[in-house]
Amino acid sequence: MTSTDLNVLINQQPYTVPAGSCLMDAIDRFGIQPPFAAAVNLEFVPRGQYAQRLLQDGDQIELIAPITGG
């Protein structure tokens, strides 16, 4: 890790991403496949804003896939 890395949590697991990373970068690093919803610090982020939502050190990201069945 360099001093320009950010420490984030993705689904309660620690990850390191480069400074200046956006939510889309974190999603790519996590490797989840659509469909899913994303939230940063408990705030829902619309899919069209993933590339604009810049991450900060300590952000908590939740990636939630729908559950099917009954």
Protein backbone atom coordinates (compact mmCIF):
# COMPACT_ATOMS: atom_id res chain seq x y z
CA MET A 1 0.00 0.00 0.00
CA THR A 2 1.26 3.48 -0.82
CA SER A 3 0.34 6.73 0.87
CA THR A 4 -1.99 7.48 -2.03
CA ASP A 5 -4.11 4.37 -1.48
CA LEU A 6 -7.53 4.43 0.13
CA ASN A 7 -8.73 1.84 2.63
CA VAL A 8 -12.38 0.97 2.02
CA LEU A 9 -14.73 -1.76 3.14
CA ILE A 10 -16.69 -3.67 0.51
CA ASN A 11 -19.39 -5.83 2.09
CA GLN A 12 -17.49 -5.57 5.40
CA GLN A 13 -14.22 -6.81 3.85
CA PRO A 14 -11.17 -4.52 3.71
CA TYR A 15 -9.89 -3.50 0.28
CA THR A 16 -7.26 -1.02 -0.87
CA VAL A 17 -7.94 1.11 -3.94
CA PRO A 18 -5.81 3.87 -5.49
CA ALA A 19 -6.60 7.46 -4.52
CA GLY A 20 -8.98 9.00 -7.03
CA SER A 21 -10.90 5.74 -7.46
CA CYS A 22 -14.61 5.85 -8.12
CA LEU A 23 -17.32 3.42 -7.11
CA MET A 24 -17.05 1.69 -10.51
CA ASP A 25 -13.37 0.95 -9.81
CA ALA A 26 -14.28 -0.68 -6.50
CA ILE A 27 -17.06 -2.70 -8.15
CA ASP A 28 -14.61 -3.94 -10.78
CA ARG A 29 -12.11 -4.89 -8.05
CA PHE A 30 -14.79 -6.77 -6.09
CA GLY A 31 -15.88 -8.69 -9.19
CA ILE A 32 -19.66 -8.71 -8.69
CA GLN A 33 -21.83 -9.31 -11.76
CA PRO A 34 -25.15 -7.53 -12.44
CA PRO A 35 -27.82 -7.31 -11.27
CA PHE A 36 -26.91 -5.62 -7.99
CA ALA A 37 -27.46 -2.38 -6.10
CA ALA A 38 -24.70 -0.25 -4.59
CA ALA A 39 -24.55 2.01 -1.56
CA VAL A 40 -21.70 4.07 -0.11
CA ASN A 41 -21.94 4.86 3.60
CA LEU A 42 -25.56 3.61 3.55
CA GLU A 43 -26.49 6.01 0.71
CA PHE A 44 -27.87 4.35 -2.44
CA VAL A 45 -25.93 5.29 -5.58
CA PRO A 46 -27.81 5.02 -8.91
CA ARG A 47 -26.05 2.86 -11.52
CA GLY A 48 -25.55 5.86 -13.81
CA GLN A 49 -23.49 7.61 -11.11
CA TYR A 50 -21.00 4.82 -10.30
CA ALA A 51 -18.24 6.43 -12.39
CA GLN A 52 -18.85 9.89 -10.87
CA ARG A 53 -18.98 8.79 -7.21
CA LEU A 54 -15.42 9.30 -5.97
CA LEU A 55 -14.33 7.27 -2.96
CA GLN A 56 -12.82 8.58 0.25
CA ASP A 57 -10.61 6.79 2.74
CA GLY A 58 -12.80 4.78 5.12
CA ASP A 59 -15.85 4.56 2.85
CA GLN A 60 -18.13 1.60 3.47
CA ILE A 61 -19.47 0.13 0.24
CA GLU A 62 -22.33 -2.34 0.11
CA LEU A 63 -22.98 -4.33 -3.06
CA ILE A 64 -26.29 -6.15 -2.79
CA ALA A 65 -27.52 -8.78 -5.25
CA PRO A 66 -31.23 -9.59 -5.37
CA ILE A 67 -32.36 -12.82 -3.75
CA THR A 68 -34.71 -14.95 -5.80
CA GLY A 69 -37.02 -17.65 -4.61
CA GLY A 70 -39.87 -17.83 -2.23
